[in-house]
């Protein structure tokens, strides 16, 4: 874990803290520098033990750039609540965030299908067993990468607390507290060409029920 210098009280130093944040989200932001210019893109991902799995089109030049060994950082943030304080200055948010830094590597073609199935199942558990396997053409068109998680290559910050108690709290008379936020799965919406007699697969039912 890299040392956090600002708001150190929110820092978390255990590897389980990192895994918890990474496993709770599905989208992160990959950042690097391409031709002297900053490059940032949101990406779906999945954690596979000591690495973060990412994928994109083989036609994306910037992805090929990071896959070739350019330093990169991957950031994940979950907003858990709005902290309402007596003043705007003291108002804040409850959150969980993680940053993983390092060098991406291209996943061997023989393992790419496993990695892509893992990503799919991290979004919809069990979905990969309900559909056909990826074809050679699909795998060839997909750049599958891994960002290793090294002991000194990550940071985690978490805030999960009520507002700070102000010095003049007794004179405030106003409300202070936390408004929790969460993401839930809604009712499945079928594609336009799907008939009303076709039921969603079990994986989709479980996803909606589990939320």
C-alpha atoms as a PDB file:
ATOM      1  CA  UNK A   1       0.000   0.000   0.000  1.00  0.00           C
ATOM      2  CA  UNK A   2       1.244   3.490  -0.869  1.00  0.00           C
ATOM      3  CA  UNK A   3       1.137   6.088   1.888  1.00  0.00           C
ATOM      4  CA  UNK A   4      -1.769   8.545   1.904  1.00  0.00           C
ATOM      5  CA  UNK A   5      -0.720  12.003   3.114  1.00  0.00           C
ATOM      6  CA  UNK A   6      -4.033  13.890   3.118  1.00  0.00           C
ATOM      7  CA  UNK A   7      -7.008  12.847   5.283  1.00  0.00           C
ATOM      8  CA  UNK A   8      -4.992   9.970   6.677  1.00  0.00           C
ATOM      9  CA  UNK A   9      -7.835   9.105   9.034  1.00  0.00           C
ATOM     10  CA  UNK A  10      -9.738   7.731   6.037  1.00  0.00           C
ATOM     11  CA  UNK A  11      -6.881   5.544   4.815  1.00  0.00           C
ATOM     12  CA  UNK A  12      -7.217   1.765   5.003  1.00  0.00           C
ATOM     13  CA  UNK A  13      -4.110  -0.368   5.027  1.00  0.00           C
ATOM     14  CA  UNK A  14      -5.292  -3.961   4.765  1.00  0.00           C
ATOM     15  CA  UNK A  15      -5.441  -5.820   1.479  1.00  0.00           C
ATOM     16  CA  UNK A  16      -8.945  -7.015   2.376  1.00  0.00           C
ATOM     17  CA  UNK A  17     -10.047  -3.365   2.319  1.00  0.00           C
ATOM     18  CA  UNK A  18      -8.846  -3.048  -1.258  1.00  0.00           C
ATOM     19  CA  UNK A  19     -10.549  -6.263  -2.336  1.00  0.00           C
ATOM     20  CA  UNK A  20     -13.793  -5.159  -0.701  1.00  0.00           C
ATOM     21  CA  UNK A  21     -13.893  -1.896  -2.660  1.00  0.00           C
ATOM     22  CA  UNK A  22     -12.894  -3.468  -5.968  1.00  0.00           C
ATOM     23  CA  UNK A  23     -15.436  -6.275  -5.591  1.00  0.00           C
ATOM     24  CA  UNK A  24     -18.264  -3.852  -4.758  1.00  0.00           C
ATOM     25  CA  UNK A  25     -18.050  -1.871  -8.003  1.00  0.00           C
ATOM     26  CA  UNK A  26     -18.208  -2.682 -11.713  1.00  0.00           C
ATOM     27  CA  UNK A  27     -16.832   0.468 -13.358  1.00  0.00           C
ATOM     28  CA  UNK A  28     -13.522   2.205 -12.827  1.00  0.00           C
ATOM     29  CA  UNK A  29     -11.409   4.812 -14.588  1.00  0.00           C
ATOM     30  CA  UNK A  30      -8.169   3.932 -16.351  1.00  0.00           C
ATOM     31  CA  UNK A  31      -5.673   6.764 -16.706  1.00  0.00           C
ATOM     32  CA  UNK A  32      -2.314   7.117 -18.432  1.00  0.00           C
ATOM     33  CA  UNK A  33      -0.375   9.538 -20.657  1.00  0.00           C
ATOM     34  CA  UNK A  34      -0.383   9.109 -24.441  1.00  0.00           C
ATOM     35  CA  UNK A  35       1.922  11.252 -26.594  1.00  0.00           C
ATOM     36  CA  UNK A  36       2.374  13.694 -23.743  1.00  0.00           C
ATOM     37  CA  UNK A  37      -1.360  14.167 -23.202  1.00  0.00           C
ATOM     38  CA  UNK A  38      -3.505  12.854 -20.324  1.00  0.00           C
ATOM     39  CA  UNK A  39      -5.810   9.974 -21.277  1.00  0.00           C
ATOM     40  CA  UNK A  40      -8.688   8.812 -19.085  1.00  0.00           C
ATOM     41  CA  UNK A  41     -11.505   6.388 -19.878  1.00  0.00           C
ATOM     42  CA  UNK A  42     -14.173   4.603 -17.793  1.00  0.00           C
ATOM     43  CA  UNK A  43     -14.062   0.824 -18.129  1.00  0.00           C
ATOM     44  CA  UNK A  44     -15.858  -2.247 -16.881  1.00  0.00           C
ATOM     45  CA  UNK A  45     -13.597  -4.533 -14.891  1.00  0.00           C
ATOM     46  CA  UNK A  46     -13.382  -7.536 -12.600  1.00  0.00           C
ATOM     47  CA  UNK A  47     -10.914  -8.530  -9.913  1.00  0.00           C
ATOM     48  CA  UNK A  48      -9.254 -11.910 -10.312  1.00  0.00           C
ATOM     49  CA  UNK A  49      -7.182 -12.520  -7.212  1.00  0.00           C
ATOM     50  CA  UNK A  50      -4.121 -10.288  -7.417  1.00  0.00           C
ATOM     51  CA  UNK A  51      -5.021  -8.592 -10.681  1.00  0.00           C
ATOM     52  CA  UNK A  52      -7.661  -6.342 -12.228  1.00  0.00           C
ATOM     53  CA  UNK A  53      -9.076  -7.618 -15.532  1.00  0.00           C
ATOM     54  CA  UNK A  54      -9.891  -5.042 -18.234  1.00  0.00           C
ATOM     55  CA  UNK A  55     -10.861  -5.356 -21.866  1.00  0.00           C
ATOM     56  CA  UNK A  56     -11.499  -3.260 -24.939  1.00  0.00           C
ATOM     57  CA  UNK A  57     -11.255  -3.213 -28.710  1.00  0.00           C
ATOM     58  CA  UNK A  58      -7.974  -4.153 -30.348  1.00  0.00           C
ATOM     59  CA  UNK A  59      -8.558  -1.094 -32.548  1.00  0.00           C
ATOM     60  CA  UNK A  60      -8.220   1.320 -29.603  1.00  0.00           C
ATOM     61  CA  UNK A  61      -4.769   2.872 -29.943  1.00  0.00           C
ATOM     62  CA  UNK A  62      -4.588   4.133 -26.363  1.00  0.00           C
ATOM     63  CA  UNK A  63      -5.407   0.684 -25.002  1.00  0.00           C
ATOM     64  CA  UNK A  64      -2.608  -0.800 -27.070  1.00  0.00           C
ATOM     65  CA  UNK A  65      -0.377   1.903 -25.593  1.00  0.00           C
ATOM     66  CA  UNK A  66      -1.025   0.853 -21.990  1.00  0.00           C
ATOM     67  CA  UNK A  67      -0.988  -2.811 -22.938  1.00  0.00           C
ATOM     68  CA  UNK A  68       2.538  -2.270 -24.255  1.00  0.00           C
ATOM     69  CA  UNK A  69       3.734  -1.330 -20.772  1.00  0.00           C
ATOM     70  CA  UNK A  70       2.988   2.361 -20.257  1.00  0.00           C
ATOM     71  CA  UNK A  71       2.418   3.227 -16.558  1.00  0.00           C
ATOM     72  CA  UNK A  72      -1.260   3.430 -15.694  1.00  0.00           C
ATOM     73  CA  UNK A  73      -3.577   4.019 -12.758  1.00  0.00           C
ATOM     74  CA  UNK A  74      -7.032   2.550 -12.224  1.00  0.00           C
ATOM     75  CA  UNK A  75      -9.487   4.302  -9.877  1.00  0.00           C
ATOM     76  CA  UNK A  76     -12.768   3.049  -8.407  1.00  0.00           C
ATOM     77  CA  UNK A  77     -15.179   5.168  -6.349  1.00  0.00           C
ATOM     78  CA  UNK A  78     -18.451   4.287  -4.623  1.00  0.00           C
ATOM     79  CA  UNK A  79     -20.636   7.088  -3.254  1.00  0.00           C
ATOM     80  CA  UNK A  80     -22.427   5.715  -0.185  1.00  0.00           C
ATOM     81  CA  UNK A  81     -24.087   8.787   1.254  1.00  0.00           C
ATOM     82  CA  UNK A  82     -24.388  12.564   1.374  1.00  0.00           C
ATOM     83  CA  UNK A  83     -23.247  13.971   4.702  1.00  0.00           C
ATOM     84  CA  UNK A  84     -25.414  16.958   5.613  1.00  0.00           C
ATOM     85  CA  UNK A  85     -23.739  19.242   8.147  1.00  0.00           C
ATOM     86  CA  UNK A  86     -24.732  22.543   9.705  1.00  0.00           C
ATOM     87  CA  UNK A  87     -22.527  24.393   7.218  1.00  0.00           C
ATOM     88  CA  UNK A  88     -21.573  23.858   3.589  1.00  0.00           C
ATOM     89  CA  UNK A  89     -17.930  23.824   4.630  1.00  0.00           C
ATOM     90  CA  UNK A  90     -18.471  20.836   6.912  1.00  0.00           C
ATOM     91  CA  UNK A  91     -20.802  18.964   4.549  1.00  0.00           C
ATOM     92  CA  UNK A  92     -19.186  16.083   2.697  1.00  0.00           C
ATOM     93  CA  UNK A  93     -19.869  12.526   1.502  1.00  0.00           C
ATOM     94  CA  UNK A  94     -19.432   8.981   2.700  1.00  0.00           C
ATOM     95  CA  UNK A  95     -17.512   6.985   0.146  1.00  0.00           C
ATOM     96  CA  UNK A  96     -15.160   4.123  -0.640  1.00  0.00           C
ATOM     97  CA  UNK A  97     -12.355   4.618  -3.136  1.00  0.00           C
ATOM     98  CA  UNK A  98      -9.367   2.665  -4.370  1.00  0.00           C
ATOM     99  CA  UNK A  99      -6.503   3.353  -6.753  1.00  0.00           C
ATOM    100  CA  UNK A 100      -4.310   0.651  -8.277  1.00  0.00           C
ATOM    101  CA  UNK A 101      -1.125   1.705 -10.071  1.00  0.00           C
ATOM    102  CA  UNK A 102       1.193  -0.307 -12.248  1.00  0.00           C
ATOM    103  CA  UNK A 103       1.777  -1.688 -15.725  1.00  0.00           C
ATOM    104  CA  UNK A 104      -0.838  -3.628 -17.667  1.00  0.00           C
ATOM    105  CA  UNK A 105      -0.031  -6.844 -19.459  1.00  0.00           C
ATOM    106  CA  UNK A 106      -1.895  -8.543 -22.286  1.00  0.00           C
ATOM    107  CA  UNK A 107      -3.590 -11.753 -21.206  1.00  0.00           C
ATOM    108  CA  UNK A 108      -2.533 -14.815 -23.150  1.00  0.00           C
ATOM    109  CA  UNK A 109      -5.097 -15.762 -25.844  1.00  0.00           C
ATOM    110  CA  UNK A 110      -5.512 -19.147 -24.205  1.00  0.00           C
ATOM    111  CA  UNK A 111      -6.721 -17.463 -21.023  1.00  0.00           C
ATOM    112  CA  UNK A 112      -8.697 -14.618 -22.609  1.00  0.00           C
ATOM    113  CA  UNK A 113     -11.974 -16.572 -22.725  1.00  0.00           C
ATOM    114  CA  UNK A 114     -11.716 -17.293 -18.990  1.00  0.00           C
ATOM    115  CA  UNK A 115     -11.016 -13.629 -18.232  1.00  0.00           C
ATOM    116  CA  UNK A 116     -13.954 -12.410 -20.328  1.00  0.00           C
ATOM    117  CA  UNK A 117     -16.284 -14.946 -18.697  1.00  0.00           C
ATOM    118  CA  UNK A 118     -15.096 -13.691 -15.320  1.00  0.00           C
ATOM    119  CA  UNK A 119     -15.929 -10.111 -16.272  1.00  0.00           C
ATOM    120  CA  UNK A 120     -19.382 -11.118 -17.494  1.00  0.00           C
ATOM    121  CA  UNK A 121     -20.129 -13.073 -14.339  1.00  0.00           C
ATOM    122  CA  UNK A 122     -18.969 -10.187 -12.154  1.00  0.00           C
ATOM    123  CA  UNK A 123     -21.778  -8.105 -13.708  1.00  0.00           C
ATOM    124  CA  UNK A 124     -24.405 -10.859 -13.965  1.00  0.00           C
ATOM    125  CA  UNK A 125     -23.367 -13.888 -11.887  1.00  0.00           C
ATOM    126  CA  UNK A 126     -23.836 -17.116 -13.819  1.00  0.00           C
ATOM    127  CA  UNK A 127     -24.488 -15.470 -17.177  1.00  0.00           C
ATOM    128  CA  UNK A 128     -21.545 -17.086 -18.981  1.00  0.00           C
ATOM    129  CA  UNK A 129     -23.047 -20.551 -18.447  1.00  0.00           C
ATOM    130  CA  UNK A 130     -26.281 -19.516 -20.220  1.00  0.00           C
ATOM    131  CA  UNK A 131     -24.772 -18.448 -23.553  1.00  0.00           C
ATOM    132  CA  UNK A 132     -22.413 -19.902 -26.135  1.00  0.00           C
ATOM    133  CA  UNK A 133     -18.662 -19.551 -25.742  1.00  0.00           C
ATOM    134  CA  UNK A 134     -16.863 -16.629 -27.366  1.00  0.00           C
ATOM    135  CA  UNK A 135     -15.774 -17.345 -30.922  1.00  0.00           C
ATOM    136  CA  UNK A 136     -12.188 -17.085 -32.139  1.00  0.00           C
ATOM    137  CA  UNK A 137     -13.163 -14.007 -34.139  1.00  0.00           C
ATOM    138  CA  UNK A 138     -14.643 -12.315 -31.064  1.00  0.00           C
ATOM    139  CA  UNK A 139     -11.592 -13.129 -28.963  1.00  0.00           C
ATOM    140  CA  UNK A 140      -9.265 -11.854 -31.701  1.00  0.00           C
ATOM    141  CA  UNK A 141     -11.138  -8.527 -31.777  1.00  0.00           C
ATOM    142  CA  UNK A 142     -10.886  -8.075 -27.996  1.00  0.00           C
ATOM    143  CA  UNK A 143      -7.837  -6.783 -26.155  1.00  0.00           C
ATOM    144  CA  UNK A 144      -7.893  -8.457 -22.736  1.00  0.00           C
ATOM    145  CA  UNK A 145      -5.503  -7.011 -20.159  1.00  0.00           C
ATOM    146  CA  UNK A 146      -4.514  -7.448 -16.543  1.00  0.00           C
ATOM    147  CA  UNK A 147      -3.296  -4.842 -14.056  1.00  0.00           C
ATOM    148  CA  UNK A 148      -1.312  -6.642 -11.321  1.00  0.00           C
ATOM    149  CA  UNK A 149      -2.028  -5.644  -7.718  1.00  0.00           C
ATOM    150  CA  UNK A 150       1.353  -5.239  -6.027  1.00  0.00           C
ATOM    151  CA  UNK A 151       1.920  -4.564  -2.308  1.00  0.00           C
ATOM    152  CA  UNK A 152       3.144  -0.996  -2.909  1.00  0.00           C
ATOM    153  CA  UNK A 153       0.844  -0.170  -5.816  1.00  0.00           C
ATOM    154  CA  UNK A 154      -2.517   0.666  -4.250  1.00  0.00           C
ATOM    155  CA  UNK A 155      -4.342   3.003  -1.898  1.00  0.00           C
ATOM    156  CA  UNK A 156      -7.787   2.849  -0.265  1.00  0.00           C
ATOM    157  CA  UNK A 157      -9.796   5.562   1.449  1.00  0.00           C
ATOM    158  CA  UNK A 158     -13.134   5.138   3.216  1.00  0.00           C
ATOM    159  CA  UNK A 159     -15.407   7.604   4.971  1.00  0.00           C
ATOM    160  CA  UNK A 160     -18.368   6.130   6.838  1.00  0.00           C
ATOM    161  CA  UNK A 161     -19.397   8.543   9.559  1.00  0.00           C
ATOM    162  CA  UNK A 162     -21.901  11.250  10.517  1.00  0.00           C
ATOM    163  CA  UNK A 163     -21.054  14.942  10.201  1.00  0.00           C
ATOM    164  CA  UNK A 164     -18.385  16.358  12.454  1.00  0.00           C
ATOM    165  CA  UNK A 165     -19.787  17.819  15.656  1.00  0.00           C
ATOM    166  CA  UNK A 166     -19.414  21.621  15.321  1.00  0.00           C
ATOM    167  CA  UNK A 167     -18.238  23.754  18.228  1.00  0.00           C
ATOM    168  CA  UNK A 168     -21.529  25.671  18.241  1.00  0.00           C
ATOM    169  CA  UNK A 169     -23.810  22.632  17.819  1.00  0.00           C
ATOM    170  CA  UNK A 170     -25.979  23.629  20.765  1.00  0.00           C
ATOM    171  CA  UNK A 171     -26.857  26.914  19.064  1.00  0.00           C
ATOM    172  CA  UNK A 172     -27.536  25.500  15.631  1.00  0.00           C
ATOM    173  CA  UNK A 173     -31.090  24.225  15.895  1.00  0.00           C
ATOM    174  CA  UNK A 174     -30.784  22.766  12.390  1.00  0.00           C
ATOM    175  CA  UNK A 175     -30.789  19.178  11.158  1.00  0.00           C
ATOM    176  CA  UNK A 176     -27.590  17.306  10.431  1.00  0.00           C
ATOM    177  CA  UNK A 177     -27.065  13.715   9.368  1.00  0.00           C
ATOM    178  CA  UNK A 178     -26.482  11.353   6.455  1.00  0.00           C
ATOM    179  CA  UNK A 179     -28.607  10.586   3.391  1.00  0.00           C
ATOM    180  CA  UNK A 180     -27.639   7.017   2.330  1.00  0.00           C
ATOM    181  CA  UNK A 181     -27.290   6.274  -1.373  1.00  0.00           C
ATOM    182  CA  UNK A 182     -27.377   2.898  -3.103  1.00  0.00           C
ATOM    183  CA  UNK A 183     -27.654   1.413  -6.594  1.00  0.00           C
ATOM    184  CA  UNK A 184     -30.358  -1.177  -7.259  1.00  0.00           C
ATOM    185  CA  UNK A 185     -31.342  -3.252 -10.280  1.00  0.00           C
ATOM    186  CA  UNK A 186     -34.735  -2.395 -11.776  1.00  0.00           C
ATOM    187  CA  UNK A 187     -37.211  -4.558 -13.636  1.00  0.00           C
ATOM    188  CA  UNK A 188     -35.676  -6.089 -16.798  1.00  0.00           C
ATOM    189  CA  UNK A 189     -36.606  -4.318 -20.045  1.00  0.00           C
ATOM    190  CA  UNK A 190     -36.661  -6.674 -23.055  1.00  0.00           C
ATOM    191  CA  UNK A 191     -35.111  -5.719 -26.383  1.00  0.00           C
ATOM    192  CA  UNK A 192     -37.630  -4.543 -29.023  1.00  0.00           C
ATOM    193  CA  UNK A 193     -37.426  -7.827 -30.947  1.00  0.00           C
ATOM    194  CA  UNK A 194     -38.060 -10.049 -27.915  1.00  0.00           C
ATOM    195  CA  UNK A 195     -41.596 -11.418 -27.658  1.00  0.00           C
ATOM    196  CA  UNK A 196     -43.665 -11.026 -24.512  1.00  0.00           C
ATOM    197  CA  UNK A 197     -43.690 -14.803 -24.057  1.00  0.00           C
ATOM    198  CA  UNK A 198     -39.895 -14.992 -23.650  1.00  0.00           C
ATOM    199  CA  UNK A 199     -38.802 -14.876 -20.021  1.00  0.00           C
ATOM    200  CA  UNK A 200     -35.496 -13.348 -18.860  1.00  0.00           C
ATOM    201  CA  UNK A 201     -32.804 -15.898 -17.986  1.00  0.00           C
ATOM    202  CA  UNK A 202     -32.271 -17.098 -14.433  1.00  0.00           C
ATOM    203  CA  UNK A 203     -29.126 -15.014 -14.042  1.00  0.00           C
ATOM    204  CA  UNK A 204     -31.099 -11.822 -14.695  1.00  0.00           C
ATOM    205  CA  UNK A 205     -33.807 -12.845 -12.235  1.00  0.00           C
ATOM    206  CA  UNK A 206     -31.176 -13.485  -9.567  1.00  0.00           C
ATOM    207  CA  UNK A 207     -29.517 -10.141 -10.270  1.00  0.00           C
ATOM    208  CA  UNK A 208     -32.775  -8.229  -9.803  1.00  0.00           C
ATOM    209  CA  UNK A 209     -33.835 -10.226  -6.760  1.00  0.00           C
ATOM    210  CA  UNK A 210     -30.441  -9.891  -5.129  1.00  0.00           C
ATOM    211  CA  UNK A 211     -30.415  -6.114  -5.333  1.00  0.00           C
END
